[in-house]
């Protein structure tokens, strides 16, 4: 049965998609069968693997809104050995409105994941930069939530609201949900500000903050242009090594 991890933070630009792509690639490199689900209407995860969201016949949107005869399995795209993707499109932006009147609307994704969980070791869900119904669906379906936090003061401000949302989901919808960890991203060790933010994160959240830190690098922007993870694009780069280490930490926690 797959271990389901939602990668969530309502603030945009903190490295959610980068983390899903590269952690997924690192798990696959370790021969763990991994499924990545693009639950963001911006479709950056899909684009990062060269999937053109404008040419999709079907994706996660059709699954979420129960389009006839579209199963989750039918939307899976194999992209690498041990690594598959369920893509999204801009149509997904309408899904939240369509889910409002649905019975059991918070459980829609969970119910579909059950049909494929036996095929994978890990399922990673890339969530949109909001705390709307799509993110709630991801948290309801997940065993754990991984929180990327940009090492800047403003990125820390929304943590309280996110943690409150996680607690509410755990209390009312998904009692097994746990915080896997908080991942410092876009870290620039040359700046006092970044070092202070990371120290503050560790002071407040203690062992919930991963020892692994993802440093800022232009390579993270270049890799998706080549439709590659950073592990492929720059095999020995610090960022690639950091995501390999993070994958090891997660695997060792099984």
Protein backbone atom coordinates (compact mmCIF):
# COMPACT_ATOMS: atom_id res chain seq x y z
CA UNK A 1 0.00 0.00 0.00
CA UNK A 2 1.45 3.35 -1.05
CA UNK A 3 2.55 5.94 1.46
CA UNK A 4 0.66 9.10 0.44
CA UNK A 5 2.42 12.43 0.99
CA UNK A 6 0.80 15.79 0.29
CA UNK A 7 3.26 18.62 -0.38
CA UNK A 8 1.45 21.72 0.79
CA UNK A 9 1.83 25.39 1.60
CA UNK A 10 -0.75 28.03 0.73
CA UNK A 11 2.00 30.49 -0.18
CA UNK A 12 3.08 30.27 -3.81
CA UNK A 13 6.67 30.13 -4.97
CA UNK A 14 8.07 28.20 -2.01
CA UNK A 15 9.21 25.12 -3.94
CA UNK A 16 6.24 22.73 -3.74
CA UNK A 17 6.41 21.60 -7.36
CA UNK A 18 10.22 21.54 -7.35
CA UNK A 19 10.07 19.30 -4.29
CA UNK A 20 7.49 16.92 -5.77
CA UNK A 21 9.44 16.56 -9.03
CA UNK A 22 12.85 16.05 -7.46
CA UNK A 23 11.82 14.03 -4.42
CA UNK A 24 9.79 11.83 -6.76
CA UNK A 25 12.79 11.39 -9.03
CA UNK A 26 15.01 10.56 -6.05
CA UNK A 27 12.56 7.93 -4.78
CA UNK A 28 12.34 6.43 -8.27
CA UNK A 29 16.14 6.39 -8.46
CA UNK A 30 16.02 4.22 -5.35
CA UNK A 31 13.66 1.87 -7.22
CA UNK A 32 10.56 2.93 -5.29
CA UNK A 33 7.53 2.92 -7.57
CA UNK A 34 6.25 6.48 -7.28
CA UNK A 35 3.18 8.31 -8.56
CA UNK A 36 3.12 12.12 -8.76
CA UNK A 37 -0.29 13.81 -8.85
CA UNK A 38 -0.49 17.34 -10.23
CA UNK A 39 -3.34 18.91 -8.25
CA UNK A 40 -2.42 22.47 -9.23
CA UNK A 41 -4.29 24.15 -12.14
CA UNK A 42 -1.04 25.88 -13.12
CA UNK A 43 0.21 22.43 -14.24
CA UNK A 44 3.88 23.17 -13.55
CA UNK A 45 4.52 19.59 -12.47
CA UNK A 46 3.07 18.26 -15.72
CA UNK A 47 5.08 20.76 -17.78
CA UNK A 48 8.24 19.81 -15.89
CA UNK A 49 7.99 16.34 -17.44
CA UNK A 50 7.08 17.62 -20.90
CA UNK A 51 3.35 16.87 -20.66
CA UNK A 52 1.42 19.52 -22.60
CA UNK A 53 -1.62 20.31 -20.47
CA UNK A 54 -3.35 21.99 -23.44
CA UNK A 55 -3.34 18.73 -25.41
CA UNK A 56 -4.63 16.49 -22.61
CA UNK A 57 -7.59 14.27 -23.38
CA UNK A 58 -8.00 13.57 -19.68
CA UNK A 59 -6.24 14.29 -16.42
CA UNK A 60 -6.90 14.80 -12.73
CA UNK A 61 -9.71 17.29 -13.45
CA UNK A 62 -11.81 14.66 -15.21
CA UNK A 63 -11.17 12.28 -12.31
CA UNK A 64 -12.11 14.82 -9.63
CA UNK A 65 -15.37 15.86 -11.27
CA UNK A 66 -16.33 12.27 -12.17
CA UNK A 67 -16.37 12.51 -15.94
CA UNK A 68 -17.94 9.30 -17.20
CA UNK A 69 -15.57 6.37 -17.81
CA UNK A 70 -12.46 8.31 -16.68
CA UNK A 71 -10.61 6.41 -13.97
CA UNK A 72 -7.50 7.57 -12.17
CA UNK A 73 -5.58 4.68 -13.68
CA UNK A 74 -6.52 5.82 -17.20
CA UNK A 75 -4.88 9.22 -16.63
CA UNK A 76 -1.47 7.90 -15.52
CA UNK A 77 1.52 8.83 -17.71
CA UNK A 78 4.73 6.80 -17.23
CA UNK A 79 7.57 9.35 -17.42
CA UNK A 80 10.60 7.46 -16.07
CA UNK A 81 11.42 4.02 -14.75
CA UNK A 82 9.54 3.67 -11.45
CA UNK A 83 7.98 7.14 -11.92
CA UNK A 84 4.47 8.01 -13.17
CA UNK A 85 2.52 11.28 -13.36
CA UNK A 86 -1.18 12.14 -13.28
CA UNK A 87 -1.25 15.51 -15.08
CA UNK A 88 -3.51 18.51 -14.67
CA UNK A 89 -4.78 21.34 -16.84
CA UNK A 90 -6.22 24.80 -16.36
CA UNK A 91 -9.66 23.12 -16.28
CA UNK A 92 -8.80 22.09 -12.72
CA UNK A 93 -9.38 25.70 -11.64
CA UNK A 94 -13.12 25.04 -12.06
CA UNK A 95 -13.05 21.87 -9.98
CA UNK A 96 -13.42 23.63 -6.63
CA UNK A 97 -16.65 25.27 -7.74
CA UNK A 98 -17.96 21.96 -9.07
CA UNK A 99 -17.06 20.16 -5.85
CA UNK A 100 -18.99 22.55 -3.62
CA UNK A 101 -22.27 20.69 -4.11
CA UNK A 102 -20.74 17.21 -4.21
CA UNK A 103 -21.59 14.73 -1.46
CA UNK A 104 -18.44 13.83 0.47
CA UNK A 105 -16.56 16.49 -1.45
CA UNK A 106 -13.46 16.32 0.79
CA UNK A 107 -13.04 12.59 0.10
CA UNK A 108 -13.17 12.55 -3.70
CA UNK A 109 -9.41 12.21 -4.28
CA UNK A 110 -9.02 9.67 -1.48
CA UNK A 111 -11.67 7.42 -3.01
CA UNK A 112 -9.86 7.44 -6.35
CA UNK A 113 -6.41 6.85 -4.84
CA UNK A 114 -7.62 3.61 -3.30
CA UNK A 115 -7.86 2.14 -6.81
CA UNK A 116 -4.11 2.52 -7.51
CA UNK A 117 -2.42 2.50 -4.10
CA UNK A 118 -1.37 -1.14 -4.33
CA UNK A 119 0.74 -0.35 -7.41
CA UNK A 120 3.09 2.13 -5.71
CA UNK A 121 5.41 2.60 -2.79
CA UNK A 122 4.82 6.36 -2.73
CA UNK A 123 2.22 8.81 -4.00
CA UNK A 124 3.21 12.50 -3.87
CA UNK A 125 0.54 15.18 -4.35
CA UNK A 126 1.47 18.65 -5.58
CA UNK A 127 -1.11 21.08 -4.21
CA UNK A 128 -2.16 24.56 -5.36
CA UNK A 129 -1.10 27.72 -3.46
CA UNK A 130 -4.34 27.93 -1.47
CA UNK A 131 -6.23 26.18 1.31
CA UNK A 132 -9.29 25.49 -0.83
CA UNK A 133 -11.07 22.23 -1.59
CA UNK A 134 -8.28 20.82 -3.75
CA UNK A 135 -5.74 21.16 -0.94
CA UNK A 136 -8.28 19.82 1.57
CA UNK A 137 -8.79 16.80 -0.71
CA UNK A 138 -5.03 16.22 -0.76
CA UNK A 139 -4.76 16.46 3.03
CA UNK A 140 -7.75 14.15 3.49
CA UNK A 141 -6.20 11.56 1.16
CA UNK A 142 -2.68 11.77 2.62
CA UNK A 143 -0.92 9.89 5.37
CA UNK A 144 1.55 12.74 5.82
CA UNK A 145 2.12 16.33 4.77
CA UNK A 146 5.49 17.75 3.78
CA UNK A 147 5.70 21.55 4.10
CA UNK A 148 8.26 23.43 1.98
CA UNK A 149 9.06 26.84 3.46
CA UNK A 150 11.11 29.44 1.65
CA UNK A 151 13.83 30.77 3.95
CA UNK A 152 12.40 34.29 4.06
CA UNK A 153 10.39 36.00 6.80
CA UNK A 154 7.23 36.51 4.73
CA UNK A 155 7.15 32.81 3.85
CA UNK A 156 6.94 31.96 7.57
CA UNK A 157 3.95 34.19 8.25
CA UNK A 158 1.38 31.79 6.81
CA UNK A 159 2.62 28.76 8.73
CA UNK A 160 0.15 29.26 11.59
CA UNK A 161 -2.87 29.17 9.27
CA UNK A 162 -1.55 26.12 7.44
CA UNK A 163 -0.90 24.24 10.67
CA UNK A 164 -4.38 25.14 11.95
CA UNK A 165 -5.86 23.77 8.71
CA UNK A 166 -3.88 20.55 9.07
CA UNK A 167 -5.14 20.16 12.65
CA UNK A 168 -8.75 20.72 11.56
CA UNK A 169 -8.42 18.15 8.77
CA UNK A 170 -6.90 15.70 11.24
CA UNK A 171 -9.70 16.30 13.76
CA UNK A 172 -12.64 16.14 11.36
CA UNK A 173 -11.62 14.33 8.18
CA UNK A 174 -8.39 12.36 8.44
CA UNK A 175 -7.26 11.29 11.94
CA UNK A 176 -4.15 9.52 10.62
CA UNK A 177 -2.68 12.70 9.05
CA UNK A 178 0.75 13.64 10.40
CA UNK A 179 3.33 16.27 9.54
CA UNK A 180 6.20 14.46 7.84
CA UNK A 181 8.44 17.48 8.13
CA UNK A 182 9.17 21.09 7.26
CA UNK A 183 11.67 21.59 4.45
CA UNK A 184 13.69 24.80 4.18
CA UNK A 185 13.90 25.82 0.53
CA UNK A 186 15.58 28.56 -1.53
CA UNK A 187 18.17 28.87 1.21
CA UNK A 188 21.05 31.26 0.63
CA UNK A 189 23.66 30.63 3.34
CA UNK A 190 25.45 33.86 2.40
CA UNK A 191 22.67 36.01 3.84
CA UNK A 192 22.09 36.64 7.53
CA UNK A 193 18.33 36.82 6.88
CA UNK A 194 18.12 33.29 5.47
CA UNK A 195 20.21 31.89 8.32
CA UNK A 196 18.02 33.65 10.89
CA UNK A 197 14.81 32.35 9.31
CA UNK A 198 16.13 28.78 9.30
CA UNK A 199 17.21 29.14 12.93
CA UNK A 200 13.76 30.47 13.83
CA UNK A 201 12.07 27.54 12.07
CA UNK A 202 14.20 25.10 14.02
CA UNK A 203 13.62 26.99 17.27
CA UNK A 204 9.82 26.91 16.86
CA UNK A 205 9.29 23.52 15.22
CA UNK A 206 12.29 21.57 16.49
CA UNK A 207 12.71 18.10 15.04
CA UNK A 208 9.87 18.66 12.59
CA UNK A 209 12.36 20.67 10.48
CA UNK A 210 14.45 18.44 8.23
CA UNK A 211 18.22 18.68 8.59
CA UNK A 212 18.25 18.69 4.78
CA UNK A 213 18.03 22.22 3.34
CA UNK A 214 17.47 23.06 -0.33
CA UNK A 215 19.79 25.86 -1.40
CA UNK A 216 18.89 28.46 -4.01
CA UNK A 217 20.18 27.64 -7.48
CA UNK A 218 19.39 28.61 -11.08
CA UNK A 219 19.62 24.90 -11.89
CA UNK A 220 16.16 24.40 -10.40
CA UNK A 221 14.75 26.81 -12.98
CA UNK A 222 16.76 25.36 -15.86
CA UNK A 223 15.92 21.67 -15.28
CA UNK A 224 12.16 21.88 -16.09
CA UNK A 225 12.96 23.66 -19.36
CA UNK A 226 14.82 20.48 -20.33
CA UNK A 227 11.86 18.42 -18.99
CA UNK A 228 14.17 16.86 -16.42
CA UNK A 229 14.54 16.63 -12.68
CA UNK A 230 17.67 18.20 -11.24
CA UNK A 231 18.93 14.67 -10.58
CA UNK A 232 19.11 14.17 -14.36
CA UNK A 233 19.98 17.73 -15.37
CA UNK A 234 22.82 18.23 -12.89
CA UNK A 235 23.50 14.80 -11.42
CA UNK A 236 26.11 15.84 -8.84
CA UNK A 237 24.71 19.27 -8.02
CA UNK A 238 24.10 20.19 -4.36
CA UNK A 239 20.36 20.34 -5.03
CA UNK A 240 20.32 16.85 -6.52
CA UNK A 241 22.28 15.50 -3.58
CA UNK A 242 19.93 17.25 -1.11
CA UNK A 243 16.84 15.62 -2.63
CA UNK A 244 18.58 12.24 -2.62
CA UNK A 245 19.29 12.72 1.09
CA UNK A 246 15.67 13.73 1.71
CA UNK A 247 14.49 10.60 -0.10
CA UNK A 248 16.76 8.48 2.12
CA UNK A 249 15.37 10.12 5.24
CA UNK A 250 11.81 9.35 4.11
CA UNK A 251 12.63 5.78 3.06
CA UNK A 252 14.39 5.12 6.36
CA UNK A 253 11.28 6.31 8.17
CA UNK A 254 9.12 3.56 6.64
